Amino acid sequence: MNNKISKLNRFINIVIILFVGYIIGTLITLIVQRNNNICVENNTVIDSLITVNDSIKIKVEKLDSIKDAKVIEVSTLDNDSTLKLFYELVSE
């Protein structure tokens, strides 16, 4: 009788261990899938930020080239043109 109860207890323990292992495995799988989704979303955000950053760089480079052209234009002015430019700036 004790032998049958002992075998039944072992069987129940094995079933409980397998059930707990199944639940732990399922939880680990869900956590890994969630982390993968978060990584993909972060990569999408980073890619869009890189695109915005590149467009801003192009705009800044364009402004720099316009500024350089204006600097050359101003540096080649003679005294009368400089005075005229000064009056234009003051009037604005």
N, C-alpha and C. Protein backbone atom coordinates (compact mmCIF):
# COMPACT_ATOMS: atom_id res chain seq x y z
N MET A 1 0.81 -1.18 0.00
CA MET A 1 0.00 0.00 0.00
C MET A 1 0.86 1.26 0.00
N ASN A 2 1.89 1.29 0.85
CA ASN A 2 2.80 2.42 0.89
C ASN A 2 3.56 2.55 -0.43
N ASN A 3 3.83 1.44 -1.06
CA ASN A 3 4.55 1.44 -2.32
C ASN A 3 3.71 2.13 -3.40
N LYS A 4 2.40 1.84 -3.42
CA LYS A 4 1.51 2.45 -4.40
C LYS A 4 1.37 3.95 -4.15
N ILE A 5 1.30 4.35 -2.91
CA ILE A 5 1.19 5.78 -2.56
C ILE A 5 2.47 6.50 -2.92
N SER A 6 3.60 5.87 -2.71
CA SER A 6 4.89 6.45 -3.04
C SER A 6 5.01 6.67 -4.55
N LYS A 7 4.58 5.64 -5.33
CA LYS A 7 4.62 5.78 -6.79
C LYS A 7 3.66 6.87 -7.26
N LEU A 8 2.49 6.97 -6.64
CA LEU A 8 1.52 7.99 -7.00
C LEU A 8 2.07 9.39 -6.69
N ASN A 9 2.75 9.53 -5.53
CA ASN A 9 3.36 10.81 -5.17
C ASN A 9 4.45 11.20 -6.17
N ARG A 10 5.28 10.24 -6.58
CA ARG A 10 6.32 10.51 -7.58
C ARG A 10 5.70 10.96 -8.90
N PHE A 11 4.63 10.27 -9.33
CA PHE A 11 3.95 10.61 -10.57
C PHE A 11 3.38 12.03 -10.51
N ILE A 12 2.76 12.35 -9.39
CA ILE A 12 2.18 13.69 -9.22
C ILE A 12 3.29 14.74 -9.23
N ASN A 13 4.41 14.46 -8.56
CA ASN A 13 5.55 15.39 -8.55
C ASN A 13 6.09 15.61 -9.97
N ILE A 14 6.21 14.54 -10.75
CA ILE A 14 6.70 14.65 -12.12
C ILE A 14 5.75 15.49 -12.96
N VAL A 15 4.44 15.26 -12.82
CA VAL A 15 3.44 16.03 -13.57
C VAL A 15 3.51 17.50 -13.19
N ILE A 16 3.66 17.79 -11.92
CA ILE A 16 3.76 19.19 -11.46
C ILE A 16 5.03 19.84 -12.01
N ILE A 17 6.16 19.12 -11.97
CA ILE A 17 7.42 19.66 -12.49
C ILE A 17 7.30 19.94 -13.99
N LEU A 18 6.69 19.04 -14.75
CA LEU A 18 6.51 19.25 -16.18
C LEU A 18 5.59 20.44 -16.46
N PHE A 19 4.53 20.58 -15.68
CA PHE A 19 3.61 21.70 -15.85
C PHE A 19 4.30 23.03 -15.57
N VAL A 20 5.05 23.09 -14.49
CA VAL A 20 5.79 24.31 -14.15
C VAL A 20 6.83 24.62 -15.23
N GLY A 21 7.50 23.60 -15.74
CA GLY A 21 8.47 23.81 -16.82
C GLY A 21 7.82 24.34 -18.07
N TYR A 22 6.64 23.83 -18.40
CA TYR A 22 5.90 24.30 -19.57
C TYR A 22 5.53 25.77 -19.42
N ILE A 23 5.07 26.14 -18.24
CA ILE A 23 4.68 27.54 -18.00
C ILE A 23 5.91 28.45 -18.08
N ILE A 24 7.02 28.04 -17.49
CA ILE A 24 8.25 28.85 -17.54
C ILE A 24 8.72 29.00 -18.99
N GLY A 25 8.68 27.93 -19.76
CA GLY A 25 9.08 27.99 -21.17
C GLY A 25 8.19 28.93 -21.97
N THR A 26 6.89 28.87 -21.72
CA THR A 26 5.96 29.76 -22.42
C THR A 26 6.23 31.22 -22.07
N LEU A 27 6.48 31.50 -20.79
CA LEU A 27 6.78 32.87 -20.37
C LEU A 27 8.07 33.38 -21.01
N ILE A 28 9.09 32.55 -21.06
CA ILE A 28 10.36 32.95 -21.66
C ILE A 28 10.17 33.25 -23.15
N THR A 29 9.39 32.42 -23.84
CA THR A 29 9.12 32.65 -25.25
C THR A 29 8.40 33.97 -25.47
N LEU A 30 7.41 34.27 -24.65
CA LEU A 30 6.67 35.53 -24.78
C LEU A 30 7.57 36.74 -24.52
N ILE A 31 8.44 36.63 -23.53
CA ILE A 31 9.36 37.74 -23.22
C ILE A 31 10.32 37.98 -24.37
N VAL A 32 10.86 36.93 -24.96
CA VAL A 32 11.80 37.07 -26.08
C VAL A 32 11.10 37.70 -27.28
N GLN A 33 9.87 37.28 -27.59
CA GLN A 33 9.13 37.86 -28.71
C GLN A 33 8.84 39.33 -28.46
N ARG A 34 8.51 39.69 -27.25
CA ARG A 34 8.22 41.09 -26.91
C ARG A 34 9.48 41.94 -27.09
N ASN A 35 10.61 41.44 -26.64
CA ASN A 35 11.86 42.19 -26.78
C ASN A 35 12.23 42.36 -28.25
N ASN A 36 11.98 41.34 -29.08
CA ASN A 36 12.27 41.46 -30.50
C ASN A 36 11.40 42.53 -31.15
N ASN A 37 10.12 42.61 -30.76
CA ASN A 37 9.24 43.63 -31.31
C ASN A 37 9.69 45.02 -30.91
N ILE A 38 10.14 45.19 -29.67
CA ILE A 38 10.62 46.48 -29.20
C ILE A 38 11.86 46.89 -29.99
N CYS A 39 12.76 45.96 -30.26
CA CYS A 39 13.97 46.27 -31.02
C CYS A 39 13.62 46.72 -32.43
N VAL A 40 12.66 46.06 -33.07
CA VAL A 40 12.25 46.44 -34.43
C VAL A 40 11.64 47.84 -34.43
N GLU A 41 10.81 48.15 -33.44
CA GLU A 41 10.21 49.48 -33.35
C GLU A 41 11.29 50.53 -33.12
N ASN A 42 12.28 50.26 -32.28
CA ASN A 42 13.36 51.21 -32.03
C ASN A 42 14.17 51.44 -33.30
N ASN A 43 14.42 50.39 -34.09
CA ASN A 43 15.16 50.55 -35.33
C ASN A 43 14.39 51.43 -36.31
N THR A 44 13.06 51.29 -36.35
CA THR A 44 12.24 52.12 -37.23
C THR A 44 12.34 53.59 -36.82
N VAL A 45 12.27 53.84 -35.53
CA VAL A 45 12.38 55.21 -35.03
C VAL A 45 13.76 55.78 -35.36
N ILE A 46 14.79 55.01 -35.17
CA ILE A 46 16.15 55.46 -35.45
C ILE A 46 16.32 55.75 -36.94
N ASP A 47 15.77 54.89 -37.81
CA ASP A 47 15.87 55.12 -39.24
C ASP A 47 15.18 56.42 -39.65
N SER A 48 14.01 56.69 -39.07
CA SER A 48 13.31 57.92 -39.41
C SER A 48 14.07 59.14 -38.90
N LEU A 49 14.70 59.02 -37.74
CA LEU A 49 15.51 60.14 -37.22
C LEU A 49 16.73 60.39 -38.09
N ILE A 50 17.33 59.34 -38.60
CA ILE A 50 18.48 59.49 -39.49
C ILE A 50 18.06 60.21 -40.77
N THR A 51 16.89 59.86 -41.30
CA THR A 51 16.39 60.53 -42.50
C THR A 51 16.16 62.01 -42.25
N VAL A 52 15.55 62.34 -41.13
CA VAL A 52 15.31 63.75 -40.79
C VAL A 52 16.63 64.48 -40.60
N ASN A 53 17.58 63.82 -39.96
CA ASN A 53 18.89 64.42 -39.73
C ASN A 53 19.59 64.71 -41.05
N ASP A 54 19.49 63.78 -42.00
CA ASP A 54 20.12 63.99 -43.31
C ASP A 54 19.50 65.17 -44.04
N SER A 55 18.17 65.31 -43.98
CA SER A 55 17.52 66.43 -44.66
C SER A 55 17.92 67.76 -44.01
N ILE A 56 18.07 67.76 -42.69
CA ILE A 56 18.51 68.99 -42.00
C ILE A 56 19.94 69.33 -42.41
N LYS A 57 20.80 68.33 -42.54
CA LYS A 57 22.17 68.58 -42.98
C LYS A 57 22.20 69.21 -44.37
N ILE A 58 21.33 68.73 -45.27
CA ILE A 58 21.28 69.30 -46.62
C ILE A 58 20.84 70.75 -46.57
N LYS A 59 19.84 71.06 -45.75
CA LYS A 59 19.37 72.45 -45.62
C LYS A 59 20.47 73.34 -45.06
N VAL A 60 21.19 72.85 -44.05
CA VAL A 60 22.26 73.65 -43.46
C VAL A 60 23.39 73.89 -44.46
N GLU A 61 23.73 72.86 -45.23
CA GLU A 61 24.77 73.03 -46.25
C GLU A 61 24.34 74.05 -47.30
N LYS A 62 23.06 74.04 -47.68
CA LYS A 62 22.55 75.01 -48.64
C LYS A 62 22.64 76.41 -48.07
N LEU A 63 22.25 76.57 -46.79
CA LEU A 63 22.36 77.89 -46.15
C LEU A 63 23.81 78.35 -46.05
N ASP A 64 24.71 77.42 -45.78
CA ASP A 64 26.14 77.77 -45.72
C ASP A 64 26.64 78.27 -47.07
N SER A 65 26.22 77.62 -48.14
CA SER A 65 26.68 78.05 -49.46
C SER A 65 26.11 79.43 -49.80
N ILE A 66 24.84 79.69 -49.42
CA ILE A 66 24.26 81.02 -49.64
C ILE A 66 25.00 82.06 -48.82
N LYS A 67 25.32 81.71 -47.56
CA LYS A 67 26.06 82.64 -46.69
C LYS A 67 27.43 82.94 -47.26
N ASP A 68 28.11 81.91 -47.75
CA ASP A 68 29.43 82.12 -48.33
C ASP A 68 29.35 83.02 -49.56
N ALA A 69 28.32 82.85 -50.37
CA ALA A 69 28.16 83.71 -51.55
C ALA A 69 27.93 85.15 -51.13
N LYS A 70 27.14 85.37 -50.09
CA LYS A 70 26.89 86.72 -49.60
C LYS A 70 28.16 87.34 -49.01
N VAL A 71 28.97 86.53 -48.34
CA VAL A 71 30.23 87.03 -47.78
C VAL A 71 31.15 87.48 -48.89
N ILE A 72 31.24 86.70 -49.95
CA ILE A 72 32.07 87.08 -51.09
C ILE A 72 31.53 88.36 -51.72
N GLU A 73 30.21 88.45 -51.85
CA GLU A 73 29.58 89.64 -52.44
C GLU A 73 29.88 90.88 -51.61
N VAL A 74 29.78 90.76 -50.29
CA VAL A 74 30.02 91.90 -49.42
C VAL A 74 31.50 92.26 -49.39
N SER A 75 32.38 91.26 -49.44
CA SER A 75 33.81 91.56 -49.36
C SER A 75 34.33 92.23 -50.63
N THR A 76 33.61 92.11 -51.74
CA THR A 76 34.04 92.73 -52.99
C THR A 76 33.42 94.10 -53.20
N LEU A 77 32.69 94.60 -52.22
CA LEU A 77 32.05 95.92 -52.36
C LEU A 77 33.08 97.04 -52.22
N ASP A 78 32.85 98.12 -52.97
CA ASP A 78 33.68 99.31 -52.78
C ASP A 78 33.00 100.21 -51.75
N ASN A 79 33.54 101.36 -51.49
CA ASN A 79 33.03 102.22 -50.43
C ASN A 79 31.61 102.70 -50.69
N ASP A 80 31.30 103.09 -51.93
CA ASP A 80 29.94 103.57 -52.23
C ASP A 80 28.92 102.45 -52.06
N SER A 81 29.28 101.26 -52.53
CA SER A 81 28.36 100.13 -52.41
C SER A 81 28.18 99.73 -50.95
N THR A 82 29.22 99.84 -50.16
CA THR A 82 29.14 99.52 -48.74
C THR A 82 28.20 100.48 -48.04
N LEU A 83 28.29 101.74 -48.38
CA LEU A 83 27.42 102.74 -47.78
C LEU A 83 25.96 102.49 -48.18
N LYS A 84 25.74 102.14 -49.45
CA LYS A 84 24.38 101.83 -49.91
C LYS A 84 23.82 100.61 -49.17
N LEU A 85 24.65 99.59 -49.00
CA LEU A 85 24.21 98.39 -48.28
C LEU A 85 23.90 98.73 -46.83
N PHE A 86 24.71 99.58 -46.22
CA PHE A 86 24.47 99.99 -44.84
C PHE A 86 23.12 100.69 -44.72
N TYR A 87 22.81 101.58 -45.64
CA TYR A 87 21.52 102.29 -45.60
C TYR A 87 20.35 101.31 -45.81
N GLU A 88 20.54 100.31 -46.65
CA GLU A 88 19.49 99.31 -46.85
C GLU A 88 19.24 98.54 -45.55
N LEU A 89 20.32 98.15 -44.89
CA LEU A 89 20.17 97.39 -43.65
C LEU A 89 19.52 98.23 -42.55
N VAL A 90 19.90 99.51 -42.48
CA VAL A 90 19.35 100.37 -41.45
C VAL A 90 17.86 100.63 -41.72
N SER A 91 17.49 100.75 -42.97
CA SER A 91 16.10 101.03 -43.30
C SER A 91 15.20 99.83 -42.99
N GLU A 92 15.73 98.64 -43.04
CA GLU A 92 14.94 97.44 -42.73
C GLU A 92 14.81 97.34 -41.23
